[in-house]
Amino acid sequence: MTDLGAKWAPVSLQVSDEIADCVDQFGQSDLINLMSALSNEHREVLVLCGLLGYDYETAAEILELPLGTVRSRLARARENMTHLLQESEHQIAIGS
């Protein structure tokens, strides 16, 4: 991941309600393990936009990517995390 430096200090370190709910349900270490299953490209945008609160434009500038690429990677990262969370819930439900 690109060094953020002082220029791109996050506006807030408060996570979204969606991510906070995941942490409450699965625990921080489980969520980190699930995120490690994502590709680096998807994890980067999820951390920048979902956890650190950067807007799409700033994330695109930090990663030196087109805005559309950031948006599509974030959408796919969210889809992948949803799938991983559902799998994890299923495994918990069946006692695996």
C-alpha atoms as a PDB file:
ATOM      1  CA  MET A   1       0.000   0.000   0.000  1.00  0.00           C
ATOM      2  CA  THR A   2       1.188   3.510  -0.752  1.00  0.00           C
ATOM      3  CA  ASP A   3       2.614   5.568   2.138  1.00  0.00           C
ATOM      4  CA  LEU A   4      -0.132   8.024   3.105  1.00  0.00           C
ATOM      5  CA  GLY A   5       2.037  10.650   4.728  1.00  0.00           C
ATOM      6  CA  ALA A   6       0.586  13.765   6.350  1.00  0.00           C
ATOM      7  CA  LYS A   7      -1.096  15.012   3.172  1.00  0.00           C
ATOM      8  CA  TRP A   8      -3.864  12.412   3.349  1.00  0.00           C
ATOM      9  CA  ALA A   9      -4.576  12.199   7.047  1.00  0.00           C
ATOM     10  CA  PRO A  10      -7.952  10.501   7.539  1.00  0.00           C
ATOM     11  CA  VAL A  11     -10.820  12.779   8.394  1.00  0.00           C
ATOM     12  CA  SER A  12     -12.029  10.341  11.029  1.00  0.00           C
ATOM     13  CA  LEU A  13     -10.997   6.972  12.335  1.00  0.00           C
ATOM     14  CA  GLN A  14     -14.610   6.028  13.026  1.00  0.00           C
ATOM     15  CA  VAL A  15     -15.624   2.990  11.037  1.00  0.00           C
ATOM     16  CA  SER A  16     -18.910   2.693   9.212  1.00  0.00           C
ATOM     17  CA  ASP A  17     -21.905   1.130  10.962  1.00  0.00           C
ATOM     18  CA  GLU A  18     -21.654  -1.806   8.554  1.00  0.00           C
ATOM     19  CA  ILE A  19     -18.079  -2.579   9.608  1.00  0.00           C
ATOM     20  CA  ALA A  20     -18.795  -1.921  13.287  1.00  0.00           C
ATOM     21  CA  ASP A  21     -21.636  -4.461  13.117  1.00  0.00           C
ATOM     22  CA  CYS A  22     -19.266  -7.010  11.577  1.00  0.00           C
ATOM     23  CA  VAL A  23     -16.711  -6.453  14.321  1.00  0.00           C
ATOM     24  CA  ASP A  24     -19.442  -6.848  16.951  1.00  0.00           C
ATOM     25  CA  GLN A  25     -20.702 -10.058  15.387  1.00  0.00           C
ATOM     26  CA  PHE A  26     -17.436 -11.746  14.426  1.00  0.00           C
ATOM     27  CA  GLY A  27     -14.777 -10.062  16.529  1.00  0.00           C
ATOM     28  CA  GLN A  28     -11.837  -8.014  15.330  1.00  0.00           C
ATOM     29  CA  SER A  29      -9.434 -10.912  14.819  1.00  0.00           C
ATOM     30  CA  ASP A  30     -11.999 -12.913  12.811  1.00  0.00           C
ATOM     31  CA  LEU A  31     -12.726  -9.900  10.629  1.00  0.00           C
ATOM     32  CA  ILE A  32      -9.007  -9.367  10.021  1.00  0.00           C
ATOM     33  CA  ASN A  33      -8.663 -13.027   9.050  1.00  0.00           C
ATOM     34  CA  LEU A  34     -11.558 -12.694   6.601  1.00  0.00           C
ATOM     35  CA  MET A  35     -10.052  -9.532   5.107  1.00  0.00           C
ATOM     36  CA  SER A  36      -6.767 -11.366   4.598  1.00  0.00           C
ATOM     37  CA  ALA A  37      -8.599 -13.605   2.111  1.00  0.00           C
ATOM     38  CA  LEU A  38      -9.169 -10.578  -0.140  1.00  0.00           C
ATOM     39  CA  SER A  39      -6.683  -9.622  -2.821  1.00  0.00           C
ATOM     40  CA  ASN A  40      -4.329  -6.764  -1.938  1.00  0.00           C
ATOM     41  CA  GLU A  41      -6.131  -4.541  -4.453  1.00  0.00           C
ATOM     42  CA  HIS A  42      -9.506  -5.127  -2.820  1.00  0.00           C
ATOM     43  CA  ARG A  43      -8.146  -4.900   0.714  1.00  0.00           C
ATOM     44  CA  GLU A  44      -6.460  -1.546  -0.040  1.00  0.00           C
ATOM     45  CA  VAL A  45      -9.635   0.181  -1.158  1.00  0.00           C
ATOM     46  CA  LEU A  46     -11.710  -1.416   1.603  1.00  0.00           C
ATOM     47  CA  VAL A  47      -9.285  -0.145   4.243  1.00  0.00           C
ATOM     48  CA  LEU A  48      -8.995   3.335   2.726  1.00  0.00           C
ATOM     49  CA  CYS A  49     -12.710   3.911   2.124  1.00  0.00           C
ATOM     50  CA  GLY A  50     -14.399   1.567   4.598  1.00  0.00           C
ATOM     51  CA  LEU A  51     -12.132   1.795   7.618  1.00  0.00           C
ATOM     52  CA  LEU A  52     -10.269   5.074   7.298  1.00  0.00           C
ATOM     53  CA  GLY A  53     -13.133   7.053   5.801  1.00  0.00           C
ATOM     54  CA  TYR A  54     -11.459   8.421   2.688  1.00  0.00           C
ATOM     55  CA  ASP A  55     -13.756   9.402  -0.161  1.00  0.00           C
ATOM     56  CA  TYR A  56     -13.361   7.684  -3.536  1.00  0.00           C
ATOM     57  CA  GLU A  57     -11.505  10.611  -5.071  1.00  0.00           C
ATOM     58  CA  THR A  58      -8.888  10.728  -2.313  1.00  0.00           C
ATOM     59  CA  ALA A  59      -8.419   6.948  -2.398  1.00  0.00           C
ATOM     60  CA  ALA A  60      -7.921   7.176  -6.175  1.00  0.00           C
ATOM     61  CA  GLU A  61      -5.282   9.855  -5.681  1.00  0.00           C
ATOM     62  CA  ILE A  62      -3.488   7.886  -2.947  1.00  0.00           C
ATOM     63  CA  LEU A  63      -3.452   4.702  -5.002  1.00  0.00           C
ATOM     64  CA  GLU A  64      -2.754   6.562  -8.247  1.00  0.00           C
ATOM     65  CA  LEU A  65      -5.718   4.871  -9.931  1.00  0.00           C
ATOM     66  CA  PRO A  66      -8.648   6.108 -11.983  1.00  0.00           C
ATOM     67  CA  LEU A  67     -11.761   6.879  -9.943  1.00  0.00           C
ATOM     68  CA  GLY A  68     -13.761   4.171 -11.729  1.00  0.00           C
ATOM     69  CA  THR A  69     -11.174   1.546 -10.793  1.00  0.00           C
ATOM     70  CA  VAL A  70     -11.425   2.474  -7.120  1.00  0.00           C
ATOM     71  CA  ARG A  71     -15.229   2.288  -7.263  1.00  0.00           C
ATOM     72  CA  SER A  72     -15.257  -1.104  -8.979  1.00  0.00           C
ATOM     73  CA  ARG A  73     -12.607  -2.558  -6.664  1.00  0.00           C
ATOM     74  CA  LEU A  74     -14.536  -1.350  -3.632  1.00  0.00           C
ATOM     75  CA  ALA A  75     -17.775  -2.856  -4.944  1.00  0.00           C
ATOM     76  CA  ARG A  76     -16.048  -6.185  -5.546  1.00  0.00           C
ATOM     77  CA  ALA A  77     -14.331  -6.059  -2.163  1.00  0.00           C
ATOM     78  CA  ARG A  78     -17.700  -5.547  -0.476  1.00  0.00           C
ATOM     79  CA  GLU A  79     -19.231  -8.409  -2.491  1.00  0.00           C
ATOM     80  CA  ASN A  80     -16.341 -10.692  -1.551  1.00  0.00           C
ATOM     81  CA  MET A  81     -16.538  -9.735   2.130  1.00  0.00           C
ATOM     82  CA  THR A  82     -20.292 -10.350   2.125  1.00  0.00           C
ATOM     83  CA  HIS A  83     -19.688 -13.805   0.667  1.00  0.00           C
ATOM     84  CA  LEU A  84     -16.928 -14.548   3.206  1.00  0.00           C
ATOM     85  CA  LEU A  85     -19.099 -13.356   6.092  1.00  0.00           C
ATOM     86  CA  GLN A  86     -22.006 -15.521   4.933  1.00  0.00           C
ATOM     87  CA  GLU A  87     -19.705 -18.553   4.683  1.00  0.00           C
ATOM     88  CA  SER A  88     -18.367 -17.824   8.155  1.00  0.00           C
ATOM     89  CA  GLU A  89     -21.904 -17.527   9.577  1.00  0.00           C
ATOM     90  CA  HIS A  90     -22.824 -20.838   7.950  1.00  0.00           C
ATOM     91  CA  GLN A  91     -19.803 -22.584   9.436  1.00  0.00           C
ATOM     92  CA  ILE A  92     -20.644 -21.202  12.881  1.00  0.00           C
ATOM     93  CA  ALA A  93     -24.258 -22.347  12.514  1.00  0.00           C
ATOM     94  CA  ILE A  94     -23.265 -25.923  11.661  1.00  0.00           C
ATOM     95  CA  GLY A  95     -20.537 -26.033  14.289  1.00  0.00           C
ATOM     96  CA  SER A  96     -17.510 -26.299  11.990  1.00  0.00           C
END
